[in-house]
Amino acid sequence: MMNTTDPDDTPDRAILQAFAETVGTQAPRGLQTTPADIAAWDSLAQVHLVTAIEARLSVTLPDEALTTRTTLGDLAAQAHRALGGSLAR
């Protein structure tokens, strides 16, 4: 039996990819990346990032995800909750 689950196909990876496409660079500290780490991560980029995450994962994140910029890990936790899972940190 062939394993069809790609270990790299996770919500966290999708968020990191969406981030790179949105701001034009990789997240230097992974999910711990904050807006202070990337000058291009401004309020408009946040809106584009949330929209990209929602499209990639087919979820709806809470409205505060549009305006609250803390870490990519916080967005990942919101995405995991939207997917019906939990994210142990």
C-alpha atoms as a PDB file:
ATOM      1  CA  MET A   1       0.000   0.000   0.000  1.00  0.00           C
ATOM      2  CA  MET A   2       1.360   3.396  -0.999  1.00  0.00           C
ATOM      3  CA  ASN A   3       1.389   6.261   1.483  1.00  0.00           C
ATOM      4  CA  THR A   4      -0.440   9.176  -0.158  1.00  0.00           C
ATOM      5  CA  THR A   5       0.023  11.553   2.750  1.00  0.00           C
ATOM      6  CA  ASP A   6       2.736  14.073   2.032  1.00  0.00           C
ATOM      7  CA  PRO A   7       4.365  15.065   5.343  1.00  0.00           C
ATOM      8  CA  ASP A   8       5.216  18.445   3.831  1.00  0.00           C
ATOM      9  CA  ASP A   9       1.565  19.102   2.931  1.00  0.00           C
ATOM     10  CA  THR A  10       0.535  20.617   6.250  1.00  0.00           C
ATOM     11  CA  PRO A  11      -1.298  23.782   7.227  1.00  0.00           C
ATOM     12  CA  ASP A  12       1.937  25.175   8.659  1.00  0.00           C
ATOM     13  CA  ARG A  13       3.761  24.647   5.373  1.00  0.00           C
ATOM     14  CA  ALA A  14       0.862  26.196   3.455  1.00  0.00           C
ATOM     15  CA  ILE A  15       1.072  29.258   5.703  1.00  0.00           C
ATOM     16  CA  LEU A  16       4.823  29.585   5.196  1.00  0.00           C
ATOM     17  CA  GLN A  17       4.370  29.282   1.432  1.00  0.00           C
ATOM     18  CA  ALA A  18       1.551  31.840   1.429  1.00  0.00           C
ATOM     19  CA  PHE A  19       3.756  34.169   3.448  1.00  0.00           C
ATOM     20  CA  ALA A  20       6.674  33.855   1.017  1.00  0.00           C
ATOM     21  CA  GLU A  21       4.408  34.544  -1.937  1.00  0.00           C
ATOM     22  CA  THR A  22       2.696  37.470  -0.209  1.00  0.00           C
ATOM     23  CA  VAL A  23       5.725  39.367   1.093  1.00  0.00           C
ATOM     24  CA  GLY A  24       8.274  38.134  -1.429  1.00  0.00           C
ATOM     25  CA  THR A  25      10.652  36.442   0.999  1.00  0.00           C
ATOM     26  CA  GLN A  26      10.852  33.377   3.235  1.00  0.00           C
ATOM     27  CA  ALA A  27       9.892  33.714   6.889  1.00  0.00           C
ATOM     28  CA  PRO A  28      13.316  34.035   8.553  1.00  0.00           C
ATOM     29  CA  ARG A  29      12.168  32.546  11.858  1.00  0.00           C
ATOM     30  CA  GLY A  30       9.564  30.159  10.519  1.00  0.00           C
ATOM     31  CA  LEU A  31       6.304  30.325  12.419  1.00  0.00           C
ATOM     32  CA  GLN A  32       7.957  32.584  15.006  1.00  0.00           C
ATOM     33  CA  THR A  33       8.370  35.331  12.392  1.00  0.00           C
ATOM     34  CA  THR A  34       6.797  38.652  13.370  1.00  0.00           C
ATOM     35  CA  PRO A  35       6.110  41.865  11.437  1.00  0.00           C
ATOM     36  CA  ALA A  36       9.215  43.322  13.106  1.00  0.00           C
ATOM     37  CA  ASP A  37      11.274  40.739  11.178  1.00  0.00           C
ATOM     38  CA  ILE A  38       9.956  41.719   7.732  1.00  0.00           C
ATOM     39  CA  ALA A  39       9.426  45.345   6.713  1.00  0.00           C
ATOM     40  CA  ALA A  40       7.128  44.294   3.868  1.00  0.00           C
ATOM     41  CA  TRP A  41       4.687  42.683   6.338  1.00  0.00           C
ATOM     42  CA  ASP A  42       2.464  45.722   6.690  1.00  0.00           C
ATOM     43  CA  SER A  43      -1.296  45.939   7.157  1.00  0.00           C
ATOM     44  CA  LEU A  44      -2.030  45.455   3.455  1.00  0.00           C
ATOM     45  CA  ALA A  45       0.266  42.424   3.313  1.00  0.00           C
ATOM     46  CA  GLN A  46      -1.607  41.051   6.358  1.00  0.00           C
ATOM     47  CA  VAL A  47      -4.916  41.221   4.481  1.00  0.00           C
ATOM     48  CA  HIS A  48      -3.360  39.524   1.447  1.00  0.00           C
ATOM     49  CA  LEU A  49      -1.729  36.897   3.676  1.00  0.00           C
ATOM     50  CA  VAL A  50      -4.955  36.008   5.469  1.00  0.00           C
ATOM     51  CA  THR A  51      -6.790  35.806   2.146  1.00  0.00           C
ATOM     52  CA  ALA A  52      -4.064  33.542   0.725  1.00  0.00           C
ATOM     53  CA  ILE A  53      -4.160  31.265   3.789  1.00  0.00           C
ATOM     54  CA  GLU A  54      -7.931  31.001   3.613  1.00  0.00           C
ATOM     55  CA  ALA A  55      -7.781  30.128  -0.096  1.00  0.00           C
ATOM     56  CA  ARG A  56      -4.980  27.552   0.318  1.00  0.00           C
ATOM     57  CA  LEU A  57      -6.626  25.785   3.240  1.00  0.00           C
ATOM     58  CA  SER A  58     -10.298  26.370   2.336  1.00  0.00           C
ATOM     59  CA  VAL A  59     -10.997  27.880   5.750  1.00  0.00           C
ATOM     60  CA  THR A  60     -12.306  31.133   7.135  1.00  0.00           C
ATOM     61  CA  LEU A  61     -10.109  32.752   9.747  1.00  0.00           C
ATOM     62  CA  PRO A  62     -11.549  35.059  12.415  1.00  0.00           C
ATOM     63  CA  ASP A  63     -11.912  38.726  11.428  1.00  0.00           C
ATOM     64  CA  GLU A  64      -9.218  39.734  13.912  1.00  0.00           C
ATOM     65  CA  ALA A  65      -6.689  37.812  11.804  1.00  0.00           C
ATOM     66  CA  LEU A  66      -6.996  40.653   9.288  1.00  0.00           C
ATOM     67  CA  THR A  67      -5.894  43.315  11.744  1.00  0.00           C
ATOM     68  CA  THR A  68      -3.822  41.561  14.401  1.00  0.00           C
ATOM     69  CA  ARG A  69      -0.222  40.916  13.389  1.00  0.00           C
ATOM     70  CA  THR A  70       1.701  38.932  15.980  1.00  0.00           C
ATOM     71  CA  THR A  71       3.418  35.798  14.623  1.00  0.00           C
ATOM     72  CA  LEU A  72       2.871  33.373  11.785  1.00  0.00           C
ATOM     73  CA  GLY A  73       2.399  30.777  14.518  1.00  0.00           C
ATOM     74  CA  ASP A  74      -0.666  32.652  15.747  1.00  0.00           C
ATOM     75  CA  LEU A  75      -2.118  32.487  12.238  1.00  0.00           C
ATOM     76  CA  ALA A  76      -1.232  28.789  12.132  1.00  0.00           C
ATOM     77  CA  ALA A  77      -3.090  28.204  15.401  1.00  0.00           C
ATOM     78  CA  GLN A  78      -6.154  29.986  14.020  1.00  0.00           C
ATOM     79  CA  ALA A  79      -5.954  27.891  10.846  1.00  0.00           C
ATOM     80  CA  HIS A  80      -5.677  24.665  12.839  1.00  0.00           C
ATOM     81  CA  ARG A  81      -8.760  25.646  14.861  1.00  0.00           C
ATOM     82  CA  ALA A  82     -10.639  26.499  11.649  1.00  0.00           C
ATOM     83  CA  LEU A  83      -9.710  23.078  10.295  1.00  0.00           C
ATOM     84  CA  GLY A  84     -11.169  21.496  13.398  1.00  0.00           C
ATOM     85  CA  GLY A  85      -7.879  20.550  14.992  1.00  0.00           C
ATOM     86  CA  SER A  86      -5.750  21.867  17.740  1.00  0.00           C
ATOM     87  CA  LEU A  87      -2.196  23.015  17.727  1.00  0.00           C
ATOM     88  CA  ALA A  88      -0.177  22.014  20.742  1.00  0.00           C
ATOM     89  CA  ARG A  89       2.486  24.605  21.498  1.00  0.00           C
END
